[in-house]
């Protein structure tokens, strides 16, 4: 089963790096607030560059002067199952230490193109649907 990790990242601003093991890499989103354990609380998630799979276990200090400088620690980790995947929507079940249940990443399509230039904005949220029985 593929893995996920959420890294608490104390960079210039505290944020959470949400990463899904997918297509031989870690697909990654920067989430300004901790992902919610409660249904329908939406969090902005900015899609960022993929990371190598060995980064899934990284905890430590990114040295000053380097991109993303600051402390990184694992906030949650586990496995996940894809329910559906499209270019603009990914639905999956997380089986983590903190997060458990059905979540959605939904690509945002609204806003002025000039405001969104260079930003791949998504929403991350837990859905109210029943959890999948198999784990």
Protein backbone atom coordinates (compact mmCIF):
# COMPACT_ATOMS: atom_id res chain seq x y z
CA UNK A 1 0.00 0.00 0.00
CA UNK A 2 1.41 3.47 -0.85
CA UNK A 3 2.57 5.71 1.98
CA UNK A 4 1.91 9.31 2.98
CA UNK A 5 3.65 11.72 5.33
CA UNK A 6 2.81 15.14 6.75
CA UNK A 7 5.88 17.07 7.84
CA UNK A 8 5.54 20.05 10.19
CA UNK A 9 7.92 22.57 8.63
CA UNK A 10 9.14 25.56 10.64
CA UNK A 11 10.44 27.57 7.68
CA UNK A 12 9.91 31.33 7.24
CA UNK A 13 6.28 30.55 8.14
CA UNK A 14 5.04 27.40 9.81
CA UNK A 15 3.28 25.10 7.35
CA UNK A 16 2.66 21.41 6.80
CA UNK A 17 4.12 19.50 3.84
CA UNK A 18 1.53 16.93 2.75
CA UNK A 19 3.12 14.18 0.63
CA UNK A 20 1.61 11.18 -1.17
CA UNK A 21 3.77 8.39 -2.58
CA UNK A 22 2.61 8.29 -6.20
CA UNK A 23 4.15 7.54 -9.62
CA UNK A 24 7.60 6.85 -8.15
CA UNK A 25 7.85 10.16 -6.26
CA UNK A 26 6.33 12.08 -3.37
CA UNK A 27 3.61 14.35 -4.78
CA UNK A 28 3.69 17.34 -2.45
CA UNK A 29 1.49 20.18 -1.24
CA UNK A 30 2.32 22.97 1.23
CA UNK A 31 -0.60 23.42 3.64
CA UNK A 32 -0.52 26.63 5.77
CA UNK A 33 -2.61 25.13 8.63
CA UNK A 34 -2.56 21.59 10.02
CA UNK A 35 -4.86 19.23 8.11
CA UNK A 36 -8.17 18.80 9.91
CA UNK A 37 -9.38 15.64 11.62
CA UNK A 38 -12.94 16.96 11.28
CA UNK A 39 -15.06 16.65 8.13
CA UNK A 40 -15.56 19.56 5.73
CA UNK A 41 -12.93 21.90 7.22
CA UNK A 42 -11.07 22.97 4.10
CA UNK A 43 -7.38 23.81 4.04
CA UNK A 44 -5.55 25.58 1.25
CA UNK A 45 -2.90 23.27 -0.27
CA UNK A 46 -0.36 24.69 -2.72
CA UNK A 47 1.03 22.01 -5.04
CA UNK A 48 4.82 22.18 -4.99
CA UNK A 49 7.62 20.22 -6.64
CA UNK A 50 7.78 16.46 -6.23
CA UNK A 51 10.31 15.04 -3.79
CA UNK A 52 12.31 11.81 -3.91
CA UNK A 53 10.82 8.84 -2.07
CA UNK A 54 13.62 8.74 0.52
CA UNK A 55 12.43 12.14 1.80
CA UNK A 56 9.39 10.42 3.35
CA UNK A 57 11.33 9.74 6.57
CA UNK A 58 13.14 13.09 6.79
CA UNK A 59 13.20 14.88 10.12
CA UNK A 60 15.82 17.42 11.02
CA UNK A 61 17.12 20.88 10.32
CA UNK A 62 17.45 22.40 6.85
CA UNK A 63 20.38 24.74 7.26
CA UNK A 64 20.09 28.51 7.07
CA UNK A 65 20.65 29.84 3.55
CA UNK A 66 19.11 26.73 1.95
CA UNK A 67 15.66 26.65 0.36
CA UNK A 68 13.12 25.78 3.09
CA UNK A 69 15.56 26.48 5.93
CA UNK A 70 14.19 25.49 9.33
CA UNK A 71 13.16 22.53 11.46
CA UNK A 72 11.18 19.64 9.94
CA UNK A 73 9.47 16.93 11.97
CA UNK A 74 6.98 14.24 11.04
CA UNK A 75 3.49 15.30 12.17
CA UNK A 76 1.72 12.20 10.81
CA UNK A 77 2.46 9.25 8.55
CA UNK A 78 0.94 6.01 7.38
CA UNK A 79 -0.57 4.44 4.29
CA UNK A 80 -3.36 5.45 1.97
CA UNK A 81 -5.70 4.01 -0.65
CA UNK A 82 -6.86 5.86 -3.76
CA UNK A 83 -10.61 5.85 -4.34
CA UNK A 84 -10.43 7.98 -7.49
CA UNK A 85 -7.87 10.15 -9.26
CA UNK A 86 -8.43 12.80 -11.92
CA UNK A 87 -6.32 15.78 -12.96
CA UNK A 88 -8.29 18.11 -10.69
CA UNK A 89 -9.49 15.78 -7.89
CA UNK A 90 -7.95 13.01 -5.82
CA UNK A 91 -10.08 11.07 -3.32
CA UNK A 92 -8.28 8.76 -0.90
CA UNK A 93 -8.44 7.04 2.48
CA UNK A 94 -5.69 7.90 4.98
CA UNK A 95 -4.58 5.35 7.56
CA UNK A 96 -2.28 7.41 9.78
CA UNK A 97 -1.49 7.87 13.43
CA UNK A 98 -3.47 11.14 13.60
CA UNK A 99 -5.50 11.26 10.41
CA UNK A 100 -7.85 8.44 9.52
CA UNK A 101 -10.64 8.43 6.96
CA UNK A 102 -11.66 9.67 3.54
CA UNK A 103 -9.98 12.86 2.28
CA UNK A 104 -10.14 14.87 -0.92
CA UNK A 105 -7.65 17.10 -2.73
CA UNK A 106 -9.62 19.36 -5.08
CA UNK A 107 -7.93 21.74 -7.53
CA UNK A 108 -9.29 25.27 -7.33
CA UNK A 109 -10.50 26.72 -10.63
CA UNK A 110 -11.77 30.12 -9.56
CA UNK A 111 -9.97 33.42 -9.20
CA UNK A 112 -8.32 35.75 -11.67
CA UNK A 113 -5.58 34.11 -13.74
CA UNK A 114 -3.15 36.92 -12.86
CA UNK A 115 -3.63 36.24 -9.12
CA UNK A 116 -3.07 32.52 -9.56
CA UNK A 117 -0.07 32.71 -11.89
CA UNK A 118 2.60 30.32 -10.70
CA UNK A 119 0.36 28.86 -8.00
CA UNK A 120 -1.26 25.46 -8.26
CA UNK A 121 -3.93 25.87 -5.57
CA UNK A 122 -5.92 22.96 -4.15
CA UNK A 123 -8.21 22.36 -1.18
CA UNK A 124 -7.53 19.50 1.23
CA UNK A 125 -10.42 18.27 3.38
CA UNK A 126 -11.87 15.27 5.13
CA UNK A 127 -15.26 14.13 3.85
CA UNK A 128 -18.24 12.96 5.88
CA UNK A 129 -18.50 9.67 4.02
CA UNK A 130 -18.09 6.41 5.90
CA UNK A 131 -14.59 5.03 6.14
CA UNK A 132 -13.64 2.15 3.94
CA UNK A 133 -13.93 -1.09 5.93
CA UNK A 134 -10.62 -2.60 4.78
CA UNK A 135 -7.38 -1.27 6.21
